[in-house]
PDB file of all heavy atoms in Angstrom:
ATOM      1  N   PHE A   1      34.820  18.041  -8.678  1.00  0.00           N
ATOM      2  CA  PHE A   1      33.498  18.657  -8.659  1.00  0.00           C
ATOM      3  C   PHE A   1      33.407  19.801  -9.675  1.00  0.00           C
ATOM      4  O   PHE A   1      32.494  20.602  -9.603  1.00  0.00           O
ATOM      5  CB  PHE A   1      33.105  19.149  -7.273  1.00  0.00           C
ATOM      6  CG  PHE A   1      31.590  19.118  -7.045  1.00  0.00           C
ATOM      7  CD1 PHE A   1      30.921  17.918  -6.982  1.00  0.00           C
ATOM      8  CD2 PHE A   1      30.882  20.314  -7.017  1.00  0.00           C
ATOM      9  CE1 PHE A   1      29.517  17.919  -6.775  1.00  0.00           C
ATOM     10  CE2 PHE A   1      29.507  20.320  -6.826  1.00  0.00           C
ATOM     11  CZ  PHE A   1      28.822  19.094  -6.737  1.00  0.00           C
ATOM     12  N   LYS A   2      34.316  19.865 -10.585  1.00  0.00           N
ATOM     13  CA  LYS A   2      34.208  20.874 -11.645  1.00  0.00           C
ATOM     14  C   LYS A   2      33.019  20.605 -12.555  1.00  0.00           C
ATOM     15  O   LYS A   2      32.355  21.536 -13.042  1.00  0.00           O
ATOM     16  CB  LYS A   2      35.474  20.959 -12.457  1.00  0.00           C
ATOM     17  CG  LYS A   2      35.462  22.001 -13.569  1.00  0.00           C
ATOM     18  CD  LYS A   2      36.839  22.028 -14.310  1.00  0.00           C
ATOM     19  CE  LYS A   2      36.850  23.079 -15.436  1.00  0.00           C
ATOM     20  NZ  LYS A   2      38.130  23.065 -16.152  1.00  0.00           N
ATOM     21  N   TYR A   3      32.754  19.371 -12.814  1.00  0.00           N
ATOM     22  CA  TYR A   3      31.609  18.921 -13.648  1.00  0.00           C
ATOM     23  C   TYR A   3      30.645  18.132 -12.796  1.00  0.00           C
ATOM     24  O   TYR A   3      31.077  17.170 -12.114  1.00  0.00           O
ATOM     25  CB  TYR A   3      32.054  18.097 -14.828  1.00  0.00           C
ATOM     26  CG  TYR A   3      33.151  18.794 -15.687  1.00  0.00           C
ATOM     27  CD1 TYR A   3      34.500  18.511 -15.493  1.00  0.00           C
ATOM     28  CD2 TYR A   3      32.779  19.680 -16.643  1.00  0.00           C
ATOM     29  CE1 TYR A   3      35.427  19.107 -16.273  1.00  0.00           C
ATOM     30  CE2 TYR A   3      33.734  20.321 -17.451  1.00  0.00           C
ATOM     31  CZ  TYR A   3      35.059  19.987 -17.260  1.00  0.00           C
ATOM     32  OH  TYR A   3      36.029  20.646 -18.019  1.00  0.00           O
ATOM     33  N   HIS A   4      29.370  18.473 -12.870  1.00  0.00           N
ATOM     34  CA  HIS A   4      28.424  17.757 -12.049  1.00  0.00           C
ATOM     35  C   HIS A   4      27.040  17.780 -12.727  1.00  0.00           C
ATOM     36  O   HIS A   4      26.776  18.629 -13.591  1.00  0.00           O
ATOM     37  CB  HIS A   4      28.355  18.282 -10.623  1.00  0.00           C
ATOM     38  CG  HIS A   4      28.143  19.756 -10.568  1.00  0.00           C
ATOM     39  ND1 HIS A   4      26.892  20.395 -10.656  1.00  0.00           N
ATOM     40  CD2 HIS A   4      29.031  20.811 -10.515  1.00  0.00           C
ATOM     41  CE1 HIS A   4      27.050  21.687 -10.577  1.00  0.00           C
ATOM     42  NE2 HIS A   4      28.321  21.959 -10.500  1.00  0.00           N
ATOM     43  N   GLU A   5      26.179  16.883 -12.302  1.00  0.00           N
ATOM     44  CA  GLU A   5      24.870  16.762 -12.929  1.00  0.00           C
ATOM     45  C   GLU A   5      23.901  16.152 -11.909  1.00  0.00           C
ATOM     46  O   GLU A   5      24.251  15.199 -11.188  1.00  0.00           O
ATOM     47  CB  GLU A   5      24.948  15.889 -14.200  1.00  0.00           C
ATOM     48  CG  GLU A   5      23.616  15.676 -14.903  1.00  0.00           C
ATOM     49  CD  GLU A   5      23.770  14.775 -16.073  1.00  0.00           C
ATOM     50  OE1 GLU A   5      24.158  13.556 -15.892  1.00  0.00           O
ATOM     51  OE2 GLU A   5      23.505  15.194 -17.250  1.00  0.00           O
ATOM     52  N   LEU A   6      22.675  16.643 -11.904  1.00  0.00           N
ATOM     53  CA  LEU A   6      21.620  16.077 -11.011  1.00  0.00           C
ATOM     54  C   LEU A   6      20.440  15.743 -11.904  1.00  0.00           C
ATOM     55  O   LEU A   6      19.970  16.516 -12.699  1.00  0.00           O
ATOM     56  CB  LEU A   6      21.220  17.122  -9.944  1.00  0.00           C
ATOM     57  CG  LEU A   6      20.015  16.690  -9.106  1.00  0.00           C
ATOM     58  CD1 LEU A   6      20.364  15.523  -8.176  1.00  0.00           C
ATOM     59  CD2 LEU A   6      19.589  17.899  -8.229  1.00  0.00           C
ATOM     60  N   VAL A   7      19.927  14.457 -11.706  1.00  0.00           N
ATOM     61  CA  VAL A   7      18.845  13.981 -12.498  1.00  0.00           C
ATOM     62  C   VAL A   7      17.707  13.486 -11.520  1.00  0.00           C
ATOM     63  O   VAL A   7      17.940  12.749 -10.598  1.00  0.00           O
ATOM     64  CB  VAL A   7      19.228  12.775 -13.386  1.00  0.00           C
ATOM     65  CG1 VAL A   7      18.024  12.289 -14.202  1.00  0.00           C
ATOM     66  CG2 VAL A   7      20.380  13.154 -14.299  1.00  0.00           C
ATOM     67  N   LEU A   8      16.448  13.916 -11.811  1.00  0.00           N
ATOM     68  CA  LEU A   8      15.283  13.503 -11.055  1.00  0.00           C
ATOM     69  C   LEU A   8      14.337  12.831 -12.027  1.00  0.00           C
ATOM     70  O   LEU A   8      14.161  13.366 -13.147  1.00  0.00           O
ATOM     71  CB  LEU A   8      14.606  14.632 -10.362  1.00  0.00           C
ATOM     72  CG  LEU A   8      15.446  15.426  -9.341  1.00  0.00           C
ATOM     73  CD1 LEU A   8      14.630  16.649  -8.822  1.00  0.00           C
ATOM     74  CD2 LEU A   8      15.921  14.604  -8.198  1.00  0.00           C
ATOM     75  N   ASP A   9      13.734  11.681 -11.622  1.00  0.00           N
ATOM     76  CA  ASP A   9      12.768  11.070 -12.566  1.00  0.00           C
ATOM     77  C   ASP A   9      11.612  10.525 -11.743  1.00  0.00           C
ATOM     78  O   ASP A   9      11.718  10.118 -10.620  1.00  0.00           O
ATOM     79  CB  ASP A   9      13.424  10.002 -13.408  1.00  0.00           C
ATOM     80  CG  ASP A   9      13.772   8.729 -12.679  1.00  0.00           C
ATOM     81  OD1 ASP A   9      12.859   7.877 -12.490  1.00  0.00           O
ATOM     82  OD2 ASP A   9      14.924   8.611 -12.198  1.00  0.00           O
ATOM     83  N   LEU A  10      10.433  10.508 -12.419  1.00  0.00           N
ATOM     84  CA  LEU A  10       9.212  10.024 -11.832  1.00  0.00           C
ATOM     85  C   LEU A  10       8.533   9.099 -12.823  1.00  0.00           C
ATOM     86  O   LEU A  10       8.475   9.349 -14.040  1.00  0.00           O
ATOM     87  CB  LEU A  10       8.245  11.219 -11.492  1.00  0.00           C
ATOM     88  CG  LEU A  10       6.837  10.875 -11.095  1.00  0.00           C
ATOM     89  CD1 LEU A  10       6.862  10.233  -9.749  1.00  0.00           C
ATOM     90  CD2 LEU A  10       5.960  12.143 -11.127  1.00  0.00           C
ATOM     91  N   ALA A  11       7.995   7.964 -12.313  1.00  0.00           N
ATOM     92  CA  ALA A  11       7.281   7.032 -13.163  1.00  0.00           C
ATOM     93  C   ALA A  11       5.967   6.621 -12.489  1.00  0.00           C
ATOM     94  O   ALA A  11       5.915   6.405 -11.272  1.00  0.00           O
ATOM     95  CB  ALA A  11       8.123   5.797 -13.373  1.00  0.00           C
ATOM     96  N   ILE A  12       4.933   6.559 -13.266  1.00  0.00           N
ATOM     97  CA  ILE A  12       3.592   6.155 -12.777  1.00  0.00           C
ATOM     98  C   ILE A  12       3.145   4.967 -13.593  1.00  0.00           C
ATOM     99  O   ILE A  12       3.210   4.918 -14.819  1.00  0.00           O
ATOM    100  CB  ILE A  12       2.572   7.289 -12.916  1.00  0.00           C
ATOM    101  CG1 ILE A  12       3.040   8.499 -12.096  1.00  0.00           C
ATOM    102  CG2 ILE A  12       1.183   6.859 -12.504  1.00  0.00           C
ATOM    103  CD1 ILE A  12       2.158   9.710 -12.329  1.00  0.00           C
ATOM    104  N   ARG A  13       2.717   3.880 -12.897  1.00  0.00           N
ATOM    105  CA  ARG A  13       2.216   2.665 -13.573  1.00  0.00           C
ATOM    106  C   ARG A  13       0.707   2.507 -13.224  1.00  0.00           C
ATOM    107  O   ARG A  13       0.371   2.062 -12.171  1.00  0.00           O
ATOM    108  CB  ARG A  13       2.971   1.440 -13.049  1.00  0.00           C
ATOM    109  CG  ARG A  13       4.475   1.535 -13.290  1.00  0.00           C
ATOM    110  CD  ARG A  13       5.278   0.453 -12.611  1.00  0.00           C
ATOM    111  NE  ARG A  13       6.665   0.749 -12.631  1.00  0.00           N
ATOM    112  CZ  ARG A  13       7.300   1.502 -11.776  1.00  0.00           C
ATOM    113  NH1 ARG A  13       6.622   2.064 -10.779  1.00  0.00           N
ATOM    114  NH2 ARG A  13       8.597   1.743 -11.848  1.00  0.00           N
ATOM    115  N   PRO A  14      -0.164   2.942 -14.125  1.00  0.00           N
ATOM    116  CA  PRO A  14      -1.613   2.941 -13.857  1.00  0.00           C
ATOM    117  C   PRO A  14      -2.187   1.592 -13.475  1.00  0.00           C
ATOM    118  O   PRO A  14      -3.090   1.525 -12.685  1.00  0.00           O
ATOM    119  CB  PRO A  14      -2.226   3.441 -15.208  1.00  0.00           C
ATOM    120  CG  PRO A  14      -1.094   4.195 -15.889  1.00  0.00           C
ATOM    121  CD  PRO A  14       0.169   3.468 -15.503  1.00  0.00           C
ATOM    122  N   PHE A  15      -1.587   0.534 -13.992  1.00  0.00           N
ATOM    123  CA  PHE A  15      -2.107  -0.802 -13.747  1.00  0.00           C
ATOM    124  C   PHE A  15      -1.318  -1.577 -12.644  1.00  0.00           C
ATOM    125  O   PHE A  15      -1.591  -2.700 -12.354  1.00  0.00           O
ATOM    126  CB  PHE A  15      -2.083  -1.658 -15.014  1.00  0.00           C
ATOM    127  CG  PHE A  15      -2.753  -0.993 -16.177  1.00  0.00           C
ATOM    128  CD1 PHE A  15      -2.086  -0.699 -17.351  1.00  0.00           C
ATOM    129  CD2 PHE A  15      -4.100  -0.655 -16.115  1.00  0.00           C
ATOM    130  CE1 PHE A  15      -2.681  -0.076 -18.415  1.00  0.00           C
ATOM    131  CE2 PHE A  15      -4.752  -0.018 -17.179  1.00  0.00           C
ATOM    132  CZ  PHE A  15      -4.014   0.295 -18.299  1.00  0.00           C
ATOM    133  N   GLY A  16      -0.298  -0.899 -12.106  1.00  0.00           N
ATOM    134  CA  GLY A  16       0.504  -1.547 -11.087  1.00  0.00           C
ATOM    135  C   GLY A  16       1.444  -2.596 -11.612  1.00  0.00           C
ATOM    136  O   GLY A  16       2.018  -3.388 -10.842  1.00  0.00           O
ATOM    137  N   THR A  17       1.664  -2.606 -12.927  1.00  0.00           N
ATOM    138  CA  THR A  17       2.567  -3.557 -13.572  1.00  0.00           C
ATOM    139  C   THR A  17       3.443  -2.838 -14.574  1.00  0.00           C
ATOM    140  O   THR A  17       3.106  -1.656 -14.958  1.00  0.00           O
ATOM    141  CB  THR A  17       1.805  -4.691 -14.300  1.00  0.00           C
ATOM    142  OG1 THR A  17       1.170  -4.128 -15.443  1.00  0.00           O
ATOM    143  CG2 THR A  17       0.782  -5.305 -13.373  1.00  0.00           C
ATOM    144  N   PRO A  18       4.513  -3.440 -15.107  1.00  0.00           N
ATOM    145  CA  PRO A  18       5.321  -2.799 -16.136  1.00  0.00           C
ATOM    146  C   PRO A  18       4.622  -2.706 -17.506  1.00  0.00           C
ATOM    147  O   PRO A  18       5.213  -2.184 -18.455  1.00  0.00           O
ATOM    148  CB  PRO A  18       6.566  -3.716 -16.259  1.00  0.00           C
ATOM    149  CG  PRO A  18       6.599  -4.524 -14.968  1.00  0.00           C
ATOM    150  CD  PRO A  18       5.146  -4.701 -14.611  1.00  0.00           C
ATOM    151  N   ALA A  19       3.348  -3.189 -17.621  1.00  0.00           N
ATOM    152  CA  ALA A  19       2.660  -3.114 -18.896  1.00  0.00           C
ATOM    153  C   ALA A  19       2.612  -1.721 -19.462  1.00  0.00           C
ATOM    154  O   ALA A  19       2.739  -1.500 -20.663  1.00  0.00           O
ATOM    155  CB  ALA A  19       1.233  -3.705 -18.768  1.00  0.00           C
ATOM    156  N   LEU A  20       2.405  -0.745 -18.606  1.00  0.00           N
ATOM    157  CA  LEU A  20       2.368   0.631 -19.016  1.00  0.00           C
ATOM    158  C   LEU A  20       3.024   1.523 -17.950  1.00  0.00           C
ATOM    159  O   LEU A  20       2.641   1.469 -16.762  1.00  0.00           O
ATOM    160  CB  LEU A  20       0.936   1.115 -19.310  1.00  0.00           C
ATOM    161  CG  LEU A  20       0.773   2.645 -19.574  1.00  0.00           C
ATOM    162  CD1 LEU A  20       1.483   2.967 -20.938  1.00  0.00           C
ATOM    163  CD2 LEU A  20      -0.719   3.018 -19.661  1.00  0.00           C
ATOM    164  N   ALA A  21       3.972   2.324 -18.338  1.00  0.00           N
ATOM    165  CA  ALA A  21       4.620   3.273 -17.450  1.00  0.00           C
ATOM    166  C   ALA A  21       4.694   4.639 -18.085  1.00  0.00           C
ATOM    167  O   ALA A  21       5.136   4.794 -19.242  1.00  0.00           O
ATOM    168  CB  ALA A  21       6.038   2.794 -17.092  1.00  0.00           C
ATOM    169  N   LEU A  22       4.162   5.637 -17.389  1.00  0.00           N
ATOM    170  CA  LEU A  22       4.256   7.006 -17.802  1.00  0.00           C
ATOM    171  C   LEU A  22       5.399   7.652 -17.043  1.00  0.00           C
ATOM    172  O   LEU A  22       5.482   7.510 -15.796  1.00  0.00           O
ATOM    173  CB  LEU A  22       2.958   7.775 -17.508  1.00  0.00           C
ATOM    174  CG  LEU A  22       1.677   7.086 -18.021  1.00  0.00           C
ATOM    175  CD1 LEU A  22       0.466   7.880 -17.585  1.00  0.00           C
ATOM    176  CD2 LEU A  22       1.682   6.963 -19.528  1.00  0.00           C
ATOM    177  N   TYR A  23       6.277   8.362 -17.702  1.00  0.00           N
ATOM    178  CA  TYR A  23       7.487   8.814 -16.992  1.00  0.00           C
ATOM    179  C   TYR A  23       7.877  10.214 -17.422  1.00  0.00           C
ATOM    180  O   TYR A  23       7.456  10.737 -18.463  1.00  0.00           O
ATOM    181  CB  TYR A  23       8.667   7.882 -17.248  1.00  0.00           C
ATOM    182  CG  TYR A  23       9.072   7.815 -18.726  1.00  0.00           C
ATOM    183  CD1 TYR A  23       9.961   8.725 -19.250  1.00  0.00           C
ATOM    184  CD2 TYR A  23       8.609   6.807 -19.548  1.00  0.00           C
ATOM    185  CE1 TYR A  23      10.322   8.693 -20.584  1.00  0.00           C
ATOM    186  CE2 TYR A  23       8.968   6.761 -20.882  1.00  0.00           C
ATOM    187  CZ  TYR A  23       9.844   7.692 -21.362  1.00  0.00           C
ATOM    188  OH  TYR A  23      10.210   7.610 -22.693  1.00  0.00           O
ATOM    189  N   GLY A  24       8.698  10.840 -16.596  1.00  0.00           N
ATOM    190  CA  GLY A  24       9.262  12.115 -16.903  1.00  0.00           C
ATOM    191  C   GLY A  24      10.583  12.298 -16.106  1.00  0.00           C
ATOM    192  O   GLY A  24      10.774  11.653 -15.113  1.00  0.00           O
ATOM    193  N   ASP A  25      11.467  13.066 -16.660  1.00  0.00           N
ATOM    194  CA  ASP A  25      12.741  13.340 -15.990  1.00  0.00           C
ATOM    195  C   ASP A  25      13.166  14.770 -16.176  1.00  0.00           C
ATOM    196  O   ASP A  25      12.700  15.462 -17.037  1.00  0.00           O
ATOM    197  CB  ASP A  25      13.845  12.386 -16.416  1.00  0.00           C
ATOM    198  CG  ASP A  25      13.975  12.257 -17.934  1.00  0.00           C
ATOM    199  OD1 ASP A  25      13.861  13.280 -18.598  1.00  0.00           O
ATOM    200  OD2 ASP A  25      14.064  11.140 -18.443  1.00  0.00           O
ATOM    201  N   TYR A  26      14.033  15.260 -15.283  1.00  0.00           N
ATOM    202  CA  TYR A  26      14.508  16.606 -15.257  1.00  0.00           C
ATOM    203  C   TYR A  26      15.976  16.618 -14.901  1.00  0.00           C
ATOM    204  O   TYR A  26      16.401  15.924 -13.932  1.00  0.00           O
ATOM    205  CB  TYR A  26      13.674  17.421 -14.261  1.00  0.00           C
ATOM    206  CG  TYR A  26      13.812  18.922 -14.430  1.00  0.00           C
ATOM    207  CD1 TYR A  26      13.114  19.592 -15.440  1.00  0.00           C
ATOM    208  CD2 TYR A  26      14.710  19.668 -13.649  1.00  0.00           C
ATOM    209  CE1 TYR A  26      13.218  20.947 -15.634  1.00  0.00           C
ATOM    210  CE2 TYR A  26      14.808  21.009 -13.841  1.00  0.00           C
ATOM    211  CZ  TYR A  26      14.097  21.677 -14.803  1.00  0.00           C
ATOM    212  OH  TYR A  26      14.206  23.018 -15.009  1.00  0.00           O
ATOM    213  N   VAL A  27      16.761  17.468 -15.587  1.00  0.00           N
ATOM    214  CA  VAL A  27      18.237  17.462 -15.419  1.00  0.00           C
ATOM    215  C   VAL A  27      18.745  18.850 -15.173  1.00  0.00           C
ATOM    216  O   VAL A  27      18.422  19.760 -15.948  1.00  0.00           O
ATOM    217  CB  VAL A  27      18.922  16.816 -16.676  1.00  0.00           C
ATOM    218  CG1 VAL A  27      20.440  16.776 -16.441  1.00  0.00           C
ATOM    219  CG2 VAL A  27      18.390  15.450 -16.930  1.00  0.00           C
TER     220      VAL A  27
END
């Protein structure tokens, strides 16, 4: 546990399909 990392990500699909995905992540 000397080295560690936490990643959170969020994705929004306005059409409910993979055609368009808006995303963001934080580390």
